[in-house]
């Protein structure tokens, strides 16, 4: 069993890499998919990231603000630079 699939089933998104275009697109797709499955259930985001691209972070941030579900963010390890902004979103 893929642990990321299990997390997704529990509405948990794990950001454990540097924020770049590829990781941002993955996170955005997960957020939009979870909203389409159930727009009334909260989403949890666990962050352990050294940060990264501010433009990629803004794409994730904008998606977090755009979708209907509330998003709870948690730092597990580090949330530096761009990841710190997502933690505070």
PDB file of N, CA and C in Angstrom:
ATOM      1  N   UNK A   1       0.843  -1.183   0.000  1.00  0.00           N
ATOM      2  CA  UNK A   1       0.000   0.000   0.000  1.00  0.00           C
ATOM      3  C   UNK A   1       0.889   1.247   0.000  1.00  0.00           C
ATOM      4  N   UNK A   2       0.543   2.170  -0.856  1.00  0.00           N
ATOM      5  CA  UNK A   2       1.253   3.442  -0.923  1.00  0.00           C
ATOM      6  C   UNK A   2       0.769   4.335   0.226  1.00  0.00           C
ATOM      7  N   UNK A   3       1.680   4.799   1.097  1.00  0.00           N
ATOM      8  CA  UNK A   3       1.239   5.624   2.231  1.00  0.00           C
ATOM      9  C   UNK A   3       0.604   6.942   1.791  1.00  0.00           C
ATOM     10  N   UNK A   4       1.028   7.479   0.662  1.00  0.00           N
ATOM     11  CA  UNK A   4       0.446   8.735   0.192  1.00  0.00           C
ATOM     12  C   UNK A   4      -1.009   8.544  -0.235  1.00  0.00           C
ATOM     13  N   UNK A   5      -1.342   7.381  -0.775  1.00  0.00           N
ATOM     14  CA  UNK A   5      -2.739   7.097  -1.115  1.00  0.00           C
ATOM     15  C   UNK A   5      -3.603   7.029   0.136  1.00  0.00           C
ATOM     16  N   UNK A   6      -3.085   6.392   1.176  1.00  0.00           N
ATOM     17  CA  UNK A   6      -3.827   6.297   2.436  1.00  0.00           C
ATOM     18  C   UNK A   6      -4.038   7.688   3.039  1.00  0.00           C
ATOM     19  N   UNK A   7      -2.994   8.516   3.029  1.00  0.00           N
ATOM     20  CA  UNK A   7      -3.135   9.887   3.529  1.00  0.00           C
ATOM     21  C   UNK A   7      -4.207  10.635   2.740  1.00  0.00           C
ATOM     22  N   UNK A   8      -4.177  10.501   1.413  1.00  0.00           N
ATOM     23  CA  UNK A   8      -5.152  11.179   0.564  1.00  0.00           C
ATOM     24  C   UNK A   8      -6.574  10.734   0.897  1.00  0.00           C
ATOM     25  N   UNK A   9      -6.764   9.429   1.127  1.00  0.00           N
ATOM     26  CA  UNK A   9      -8.087   8.925   1.504  1.00  0.00           C
ATOM     27  C   UNK A   9      -8.575   9.554   2.801  1.00  0.00           C
ATOM     28  N   UNK A  10      -7.650   9.908   3.675  1.00  0.00           N
ATOM     29  CA  UNK A  10      -7.989  10.549   4.952  1.00  0.00           C
ATOM     30  C   UNK A  10      -8.018  12.074   4.839  1.00  0.00           C
ATOM     31  N   UNK A  11      -7.910  12.594   3.603  1.00  0.00           N
ATOM     32  CA  UNK A  11      -7.936  14.038   3.313  1.00  0.00           C
ATOM     33  C   UNK A  11      -6.723  14.749   3.908  1.00  0.00           C
ATOM     34  N   UNK A  12      -5.591  14.066   3.876  1.00  0.00           N
ATOM     35  CA  UNK A  12      -4.331  14.628   4.356  1.00  0.00           C
ATOM     36  C   UNK A  12      -3.406  14.824   3.164  1.00  0.00           C
ATOM     37  N   UNK A  13      -2.891  16.040   3.026  1.00  0.00           N
ATOM     38  CA  UNK A  13      -1.894  16.348   2.003  1.00  0.00           C
ATOM     39  C   UNK A  13      -0.569  16.528   2.712  1.00  0.00           C
ATOM     40  N   UNK A  14       0.461  15.872   2.210  1.00  0.00           N
ATOM     41  CA  UNK A  14       1.791  15.951   2.819  1.00  0.00           C
ATOM     42  C   UNK A  14       2.740  16.656   1.865  1.00  0.00           C
ATOM     43  N   UNK A  15       3.244  17.807   2.302  1.00  0.00           N
ATOM     44  CA  UNK A  15       4.260  18.539   1.539  1.00  0.00           C
ATOM     45  C   UNK A  15       5.597  18.266   2.203  1.00  0.00           C
ATOM     46  N   UNK A  16       6.365  17.357   1.626  1.00  0.00           N
ATOM     47  CA  UNK A  16       7.635  16.947   2.219  1.00  0.00           C
ATOM     48  C   UNK A  16       8.821  17.208   1.322  1.00  0.00           C
ATOM     49  N   UNK A  17       8.652  18.110   0.367  1.00  0.00           N
ATOM     50  CA  UNK A  17       9.722  18.435  -0.581  1.00  0.00           C
ATOM     51  C   UNK A  17       9.826  19.947  -0.717  1.00  0.00           C
ATOM     52  N   UNK A  18      10.812  20.371  -1.465  1.00  0.00           N
ATOM     53  CA  UNK A  18      10.958  21.793  -1.772  1.00  0.00           C
ATOM     54  C   UNK A  18       9.772  22.239  -2.627  1.00  0.00           C
ATOM     55  N   UNK A  19       9.320  23.458  -2.409  1.00  0.00           N
ATOM     56  CA  UNK A  19       8.216  24.003  -3.194  1.00  0.00           C
ATOM     57  C   UNK A  19       8.764  24.447  -4.551  1.00  0.00           C
ATOM     58  N   UNK A  20       8.338  23.758  -5.600  1.00  0.00           N
ATOM     59  CA  UNK A  20       8.708  24.126  -6.963  1.00  0.00           C
ATOM     60  C   UNK A  20       7.473  23.932  -7.840  1.00  0.00           C
ATOM     61  N   UNK A  21       7.612  24.147  -9.140  1.00  0.00           N
ATOM     62  CA  UNK A  21       6.446  24.045 -10.019  1.00  0.00           C
ATOM     63  C   UNK A  21       5.805  22.663  -9.970  1.00  0.00           C
ATOM     64  N   UNK A  22       6.619  21.612  -9.958  1.00  0.00           N
ATOM     65  CA  UNK A  22       6.081  20.247  -9.961  1.00  0.00           C
ATOM     66  C   UNK A  22       5.333  19.938  -8.669  1.00  0.00           C
ATOM     67  N   UNK A  23       5.941  20.265  -7.527  1.00  0.00           N
ATOM     68  CA  UNK A  23       5.266  19.978  -6.254  1.00  0.00           C
ATOM     69  C   UNK A  23       4.030  20.856  -6.093  1.00  0.00           C
ATOM     70  N   UNK A  24       4.090  22.093  -6.570  1.00  0.00           N
ATOM     71  CA  UNK A  24       2.925  22.977  -6.487  1.00  0.00           C
ATOM     72  C   UNK A  24       1.768  22.422  -7.305  1.00  0.00           C
ATOM     73  N   UNK A  25       2.051  21.954  -8.510  1.00  0.00           N
ATOM     74  CA  UNK A  25       0.989  21.386  -9.341  1.00  0.00           C
ATOM     75  C   UNK A  25       0.374  20.155  -8.690  1.00  0.00           C
ATOM     76  N   UNK A  26       1.199  19.325  -8.062  1.00  0.00           N
ATOM     77  CA  UNK A  26       0.688  18.143  -7.358  1.00  0.00           C
ATOM     78  C   UNK A  26      -0.231  18.545  -6.206  1.00  0.00           C
ATOM     79  N   UNK A  27       0.222  19.507  -5.392  1.00  0.00           N
ATOM     80  CA  UNK A  27      -0.572  19.956  -4.240  1.00  0.00           C
ATOM     81  C   UNK A  27      -1.879  20.587  -4.708  1.00  0.00           C
ATOM     82  N   UNK A  28      -1.799  21.429  -5.733  1.00  0.00           N
ATOM     83  CA  UNK A  28      -3.005  22.078  -6.253  1.00  0.00           C
ATOM     84  C   UNK A  28      -4.009  21.047  -6.765  1.00  0.00           C
ATOM     85  N   UNK A  29      -3.533  20.042  -7.483  1.00  0.00           N
ATOM     86  CA  UNK A  29      -4.423  18.999  -8.002  1.00  0.00           C
ATOM     87  C   UNK A  29      -5.081  18.229  -6.861  1.00  0.00           C
ATOM     88  N   UNK A  30      -4.318  17.937  -5.810  1.00  0.00           N
ATOM     89  CA  UNK A  30      -4.889  17.232  -4.659  1.00  0.00           C
ATOM     90  C   UNK A  30      -5.961  18.077  -3.979  1.00  0.00           C
ATOM     91  N   UNK A  31      -5.688  19.365  -3.798  1.00  0.00           N
ATOM     92  CA  UNK A  31      -6.659  20.251  -3.157  1.00  0.00           C
ATOM     93  C   UNK A  31      -7.962  20.316  -3.952  1.00  0.00           C
ATOM     94  N   UNK A  32      -7.844  20.497  -5.256  1.00  0.00           N
ATOM     95  CA  UNK A  32      -9.032  20.613  -6.102  1.00  0.00           C
ATOM     96  C   UNK A  32      -9.802  19.294  -6.134  1.00  0.00           C
ATOM     97  N   UNK A  33      -9.092  18.181  -6.177  1.00  0.00           N
ATOM     98  CA  UNK A  33      -9.742  16.871  -6.177  1.00  0.00           C
ATOM     99  C   UNK A  33     -10.484  16.632  -4.872  1.00  0.00           C
ATOM    100  N   UNK A  34      -9.836  16.934  -3.742  1.00  0.00           N
ATOM    101  CA  UNK A  34     -10.496  16.740  -2.449  1.00  0.00           C
ATOM    102  C   UNK A  34     -11.728  17.623  -2.325  1.00  0.00           C
ATOM    103  N   UNK A  35     -11.671  18.835  -2.864  1.00  0.00           N
ATOM    104  CA  UNK A  35     -12.855  19.690  -2.842  1.00  0.00           C
ATOM    105  C   UNK A  35     -13.979  19.063  -3.665  1.00  0.00           C
ATOM    106  N   UNK A  36     -13.652  18.514  -4.817  1.00  0.00           N
ATOM    107  CA  UNK A  36     -14.698  17.935  -5.669  1.00  0.00           C
ATOM    108  C   UNK A  36     -15.323  16.693  -5.035  1.00  0.00           C
ATOM    109  N   UNK A  37     -14.549  15.960  -4.237  1.00  0.00           N
ATOM    110  CA  UNK A  37     -15.072  14.768  -3.560  1.00  0.00           C
ATOM    111  C   UNK A  37     -16.045  15.156  -2.452  1.00  0.00           C
ATOM    112  N   UNK A  38     -15.673  16.143  -1.637  1.00  0.00           N
ATOM    113  CA  UNK A  38     -16.535  16.586  -0.532  1.00  0.00           C
ATOM    114  C   UNK A  38     -16.155  18.014  -0.147  1.00  0.00           C
ATOM    115  N   UNK A  39     -16.883  18.998  -0.657  1.00  0.00           N
ATOM    116  CA  UNK A  39     -16.531  20.393  -0.393  1.00  0.00           C
ATOM    117  C   UNK A  39     -16.781  20.848   1.044  1.00  0.00           C
ATOM    118  N   UNK A  40     -17.456  20.019   1.845  1.00  0.00           N
ATOM    119  CA  UNK A  40     -17.779  20.410   3.215  1.00  0.00           C
ATOM    120  C   UNK A  40     -16.838  19.837   4.264  1.00  0.00           C
ATOM    121  N   UNK A  41     -15.950  18.920   3.878  1.00  0.00           N
ATOM    122  CA  UNK A  41     -15.014  18.314   4.845  1.00  0.00           C
ATOM    123  C   UNK A  41     -13.678  19.029   4.812  1.00  0.00           C
ATOM    124  N   UNK A  42     -13.124  19.265   6.000  1.00  0.00           N
ATOM    125  CA  UNK A  42     -11.819  19.916   6.111  1.00  0.00           C
ATOM    126  C   UNK A  42     -10.723  19.083   5.465  1.00  0.00           C
ATOM    127  N   UNK A  43      -9.643  19.765   5.115  1.00  0.00           N
ATOM    128  CA  UNK A  43      -8.442  19.140   4.571  1.00  0.00           C
ATOM    129  C   UNK A  43      -7.303  19.440   5.533  1.00  0.00           C
ATOM    130  N   UNK A  44      -6.456  18.451   5.786  1.00  0.00           N
ATOM    131  CA  UNK A  44      -5.278  18.635   6.631  1.00  0.00           C
ATOM    132  C   UNK A  44      -4.044  18.674   5.748  1.00  0.00           C
ATOM    133  N   UNK A  45      -3.138  19.616   6.021  1.00  0.00           N
ATOM    134  CA  UNK A  45      -1.887  19.696   5.278  1.00  0.00           C
ATOM    135  C   UNK A  45      -0.729  19.629   6.263  1.00  0.00           C
ATOM    136  N   UNK A  46       0.090  18.589   6.123  1.00  0.00           N
ATOM    137  CA  UNK A  46       1.283  18.423   6.947  1.00  0.00           C
ATOM    138  C   UNK A  46       2.475  18.896   6.137  1.00  0.00           C
ATOM    139  N   UNK A  47       3.297  19.756   6.747  1.00  0.00           N
ATOM    140  CA  UNK A  47       4.403  20.388   6.031  1.00  0.00           C
ATOM    141  C   UNK A  47       5.729  20.055   6.694  1.00  0.00           C
ATOM    142  N   UNK A  48       6.658  19.578   5.889  1.00  0.00           N
ATOM    143  CA  UNK A  48       8.059  19.407   6.275  1.00  0.00           C
ATOM    144  C   UNK A  48       8.872  19.787   5.048  1.00  0.00           C
ATOM    145  N   UNK A  49       9.122  21.086   4.894  1.00  0.00           N
ATOM    146  CA  UNK A  49       9.715  21.589   3.658  1.00  0.00           C
ATOM    147  C   UNK A  49      10.704  22.711   3.944  1.00  0.00           C
ATOM    148  N   UNK A  50      11.814  22.728   3.195  1.00  0.00           N
ATOM    149  CA  UNK A  50      12.776  23.824   3.344  1.00  0.00           C
ATOM    150  C   UNK A  50      12.342  25.089   2.615  1.00  0.00           C
ATOM    151  N   UNK A  51      11.168  25.076   2.002  1.00  0.00           N
ATOM    152  CA  UNK A  51      10.697  26.247   1.272  1.00  0.00           C
ATOM    153  C   UNK A  51      10.933  26.077  -0.209  1.00  0.00           C
ATOM    154  N   UNK A  52      11.202  27.178  -0.879  1.00  0.00           N
ATOM    155  CA  UNK A  52      11.445  27.096  -2.316  1.00  0.00           C
ATOM    156  C   UNK A  52      10.926  28.315  -3.043  1.00  0.00           C
ATOM    157  N   UNK A  53      10.377  28.076  -4.205  1.00  0.00           N
ATOM    158  CA  UNK A  53       9.952  29.127  -5.120  1.00  0.00           C
ATOM    159  C   UNK A  53       8.742  29.888  -4.576  1.00  0.00           C
ATOM    160  N   UNK A  54       8.865  31.202  -4.555  1.00  0.00           N
ATOM    161  CA  UNK A  54       7.751  32.024  -4.083  1.00  0.00           C
ATOM    162  C   UNK A  54       6.595  32.010  -5.085  1.00  0.00           C
ATOM    163  N   UNK A  55       6.888  31.963  -6.387  1.00  0.00           N
ATOM    164  CA  UNK A  55       5.796  31.937  -7.364  1.00  0.00           C
ATOM    165  C   UNK A  55       5.036  30.611  -7.294  1.00  0.00           C
ATOM    166  N   UNK A  56       5.737  29.517  -7.076  1.00  0.00           N
ATOM    167  CA  UNK A  56       5.067  28.220  -6.913  1.00  0.00           C
ATOM    168  C   UNK A  56       4.245  28.204  -5.633  1.00  0.00           C
ATOM    169  N   UNK A  57       4.795  28.792  -4.570  1.00  0.00           N
ATOM    170  CA  UNK A  57       4.062  28.881  -3.306  1.00  0.00           C
ATOM    171  C   UNK A  57       2.783  29.680  -3.490  1.00  0.00           C
ATOM    172  N   UNK A  58       2.839  30.769  -4.259  1.00  0.00           N
ATOM    173  CA  UNK A  58       1.649  31.595  -4.458  1.00  0.00           C
ATOM    174  C   UNK A  58       0.556  30.825  -5.194  1.00  0.00           C
ATOM    175  N   UNK A  59       0.943  29.924  -6.082  1.00  0.00           N
ATOM    176  CA  UNK A  59      -0.055  29.103  -6.775  1.00  0.00           C
ATOM    177  C   UNK A  59      -0.778  28.195  -5.778  1.00  0.00           C
ATOM    178  N   UNK A  60      -0.022  27.601  -4.854  1.00  0.00           N
ATOM    179  CA  UNK A  60      -0.643  26.762  -3.815  1.00  0.00           C
ATOM    180  C   UNK A  60      -1.514  27.627  -2.910  1.00  0.00           C
ATOM    181  N   UNK A  61      -0.978  28.763  -2.469  1.00  0.00           N
ATOM    182  CA  UNK A  61      -1.705  29.668  -1.579  1.00  0.00           C
ATOM    183  C   UNK A  61      -3.031  30.102  -2.211  1.00  0.00           C
ATOM    184  N   UNK A  62      -2.979  30.503  -3.476  1.00  0.00           N
ATOM    185  CA  UNK A  62      -4.198  30.942  -4.157  1.00  0.00           C
ATOM    186  C   UNK A  62      -5.232  29.821  -4.216  1.00  0.00           C
ATOM    187  N   UNK A  63      -4.779  28.601  -4.453  1.00  0.00           N
ATOM    188  CA  UNK A  63      -5.694  27.456  -4.493  1.00  0.00           C
ATOM    189  C   UNK A  63      -6.295  27.206  -3.116  1.00  0.00           C
ATOM    190  N   UNK A  64      -5.476  27.327  -2.071  1.00  0.00           N
ATOM    191  CA  UNK A  64      -5.970  27.146  -0.705  1.00  0.00           C
ATOM    192  C   UNK A  64      -7.065  28.160  -0.388  1.00  0.00           C
ATOM    193  N   UNK A  65      -6.914  29.386  -0.873  1.00  0.00           N
ATOM    194  CA  UNK A  65      -7.912  30.421  -0.622  1.00  0.00           C
ATOM    195  C   UNK A  65      -9.147  30.238  -1.499  1.00  0.00           C
ATOM    196  N   UNK A  66      -8.964  29.663  -2.667  1.00  0.00           N
ATOM    197  CA  UNK A  66     -10.038  29.521  -3.650  1.00  0.00           C
ATOM    198  C   UNK A  66     -11.039  28.417  -3.303  1.00  0.00           C
ATOM    199  N   UNK A  67     -10.536  27.286  -2.819  1.00  0.00           N
ATOM    200  CA  UNK A  67     -11.437  26.153  -2.599  1.00  0.00           C
ATOM    201  C   UNK A  67     -12.286  26.363  -1.346  1.00  0.00           C
ATOM    202  N   UNK A  68     -13.402  25.654  -1.289  1.00  0.00           N
ATOM    203  CA  UNK A  68     -14.356  25.820  -0.191  1.00  0.00           C
ATOM    204  C   UNK A  68     -13.914  25.191   1.127  1.00  0.00           C
ATOM    205  N   UNK A  69     -13.357  23.975   1.142  1.00  0.00           N
ATOM    206  CA  UNK A  69     -13.038  23.357   2.444  1.00  0.00           C
ATOM    207  C   UNK A  69     -12.021  24.171   3.247  1.00  0.00           C
ATOM    208  N   UNK A  70     -12.184  24.133   4.563  1.00  0.00           N
ATOM    209  CA  UNK A  70     -11.173  24.712   5.445  1.00  0.00           C
ATOM    210  C   UNK A  70      -9.922  23.840   5.371  1.00  0.00           C
ATOM    211  N   UNK A  71      -8.765  24.471   5.462  1.00  0.00           N
ATOM    212  CA  UNK A  71      -7.506  23.732   5.424  1.00  0.00           C
ATOM    213  C   UNK A  71      -6.759  24.002   6.720  1.00  0.00           C
ATOM    214  N   UNK A  72      -6.470  22.930   7.447  1.00  0.00           N
ATOM    215  CA  UNK A  72      -5.678  23.024   8.671  1.00  0.00           C
ATOM    216  C   UNK A  72      -4.243  22.656   8.318  1.00  0.00           C
ATOM    217  N   UNK A  73      -3.291  23.503   8.711  1.00  0.00           N
ATOM    218  CA  UNK A  73      -1.886  23.246   8.391  1.00  0.00           C
ATOM    219  C   UNK A  73      -1.105  22.927   9.658  1.00  0.00           C
ATOM    220  N   UNK A  74      -0.150  22.004   9.524  1.00  0.00           N
ATOM    221  CA  UNK A  74       0.682  21.568  10.641  1.00  0.00           C
ATOM    222  C   UNK A  74       2.123  21.460  10.166  1.00  0.00           C
ATOM    223  N   UNK A  75       3.057  21.897  10.996  1.00  0.00           N
ATOM    224  CA  UNK A  75       4.479  21.748  10.697  1.00  0.00           C
ATOM    225  C   UNK A  75       4.999  20.504  11.399  1.00  0.00           C
ATOM    226  N   UNK A  76       5.591  19.615  10.632  1.00  0.00           N
ATOM    227  CA  UNK A  76       6.232  18.413  11.162  1.00  0.00           C
ATOM    228  C   UNK A  76       7.684  18.453  10.699  1.00  0.00           C
ATOM    229  N   UNK A  77       8.550  19.024  11.494  1.00  0.00           N
ATOM    230  CA  UNK A  77       9.956  19.158  11.099  1.00  0.00           C
ATOM    231  C   UNK A  77      10.281  20.609  10.840  1.00  0.00           C
ATOM    232  N   UNK A  78      10.206  21.005   9.572  1.00  0.00           N
ATOM    233  CA  UNK A  78      10.521  22.393   9.238  1.00  0.00           C
ATOM    234  C   UNK A  78       9.518  22.951   8.237  1.00  0.00           C
ATOM    235  N   UNK A  79       9.326  24.242   8.320  1.00  0.00           N
ATOM    236  CA  UNK A  79       8.523  24.973   7.343  1.00  0.00           C
ATOM    237  C   UNK A  79       9.221  26.313   7.158  1.00  0.00           C
ATOM    238  N   UNK A  80      10.190  26.337   6.261  1.00  0.00           N
ATOM    239  CA  UNK A  80      11.005  27.528   6.055  1.00  0.00           C
ATOM    240  C   UNK A  80      10.586  28.239   4.768  1.00  0.00           C
ATOM    241  N   UNK A  81      10.894  29.519   4.700  1.00  0.00           N
ATOM    242  CA  UNK A  81      10.723  30.312   3.489  1.00  0.00           C
ATOM    243  C   UNK A  81       9.291  30.196   2.958  1.00  0.00           C
ATOM    244  N   UNK A  82       9.136  29.758   1.728  1.00  0.00           N
ATOM    245  CA  UNK A  82       7.811  29.663   1.111  1.00  0.00           C
ATOM    246  C   UNK A  82       6.891  28.719   1.883  1.00  0.00           C
ATOM    247  N   UNK A  83       7.445  27.678   2.469  1.00  0.00           N
ATOM    248  CA  UNK A  83       6.629  26.732   3.239  1.00  0.00           C
ATOM    249  C   UNK A  83       6.050  27.387   4.489  1.00  0.00           C
ATOM    250  N   UNK A  84       6.751  28.355   5.059  1.00  0.00           N
ATOM    251  CA  UNK A  84       6.248  29.062   6.238  1.00  0.00           C
ATOM    252  C   UNK A  84       5.000  29.865   5.893  1.00  0.00           C
ATOM    253  N   UNK A  85       4.954  30.416   4.694  1.00  0.00           N
ATOM    254  CA  UNK A  85       3.767  31.156   4.262  1.00  0.00           C
ATOM    255  C   UNK A  85       2.576  30.203   4.153  1.00  0.00           C
ATOM    256  N   UNK A  86       2.805  29.018   3.608  1.00  0.00           N
ATOM    257  CA  UNK A  86       1.720  28.038   3.507  1.00  0.00           C
ATOM    258  C   UNK A  86       1.258  27.589   4.881  1.00  0.00           C
ATOM    259  N   UNK A  87       2.189  27.438   5.799  1.00  0.00           N
ATOM    260  CA  UNK A  87       1.835  27.053   7.165  1.00  0.00           C
ATOM    261  C   UNK A  87       0.913  28.095   7.795  1.00  0.00           C
ATOM    262  N   UNK A  88       1.158  29.356   7.515  1.00  0.00           N
ATOM    263  CA  UNK A  88       0.369  30.440   8.102  1.00  0.00           C
ATOM    264  C   UNK A  88      -0.933  30.707   7.348  1.00  0.00           C
ATOM    265  N   UNK A  89      -1.100  30.107   6.179  1.00  0.00           N
ATOM    266  CA  UNK A  89      -2.279  30.407   5.337  1.00  0.00           C
ATOM    267  C   UNK A  89      -3.563  29.887   5.966  1.00  0.00           C
TER     268      UNK A  89
END
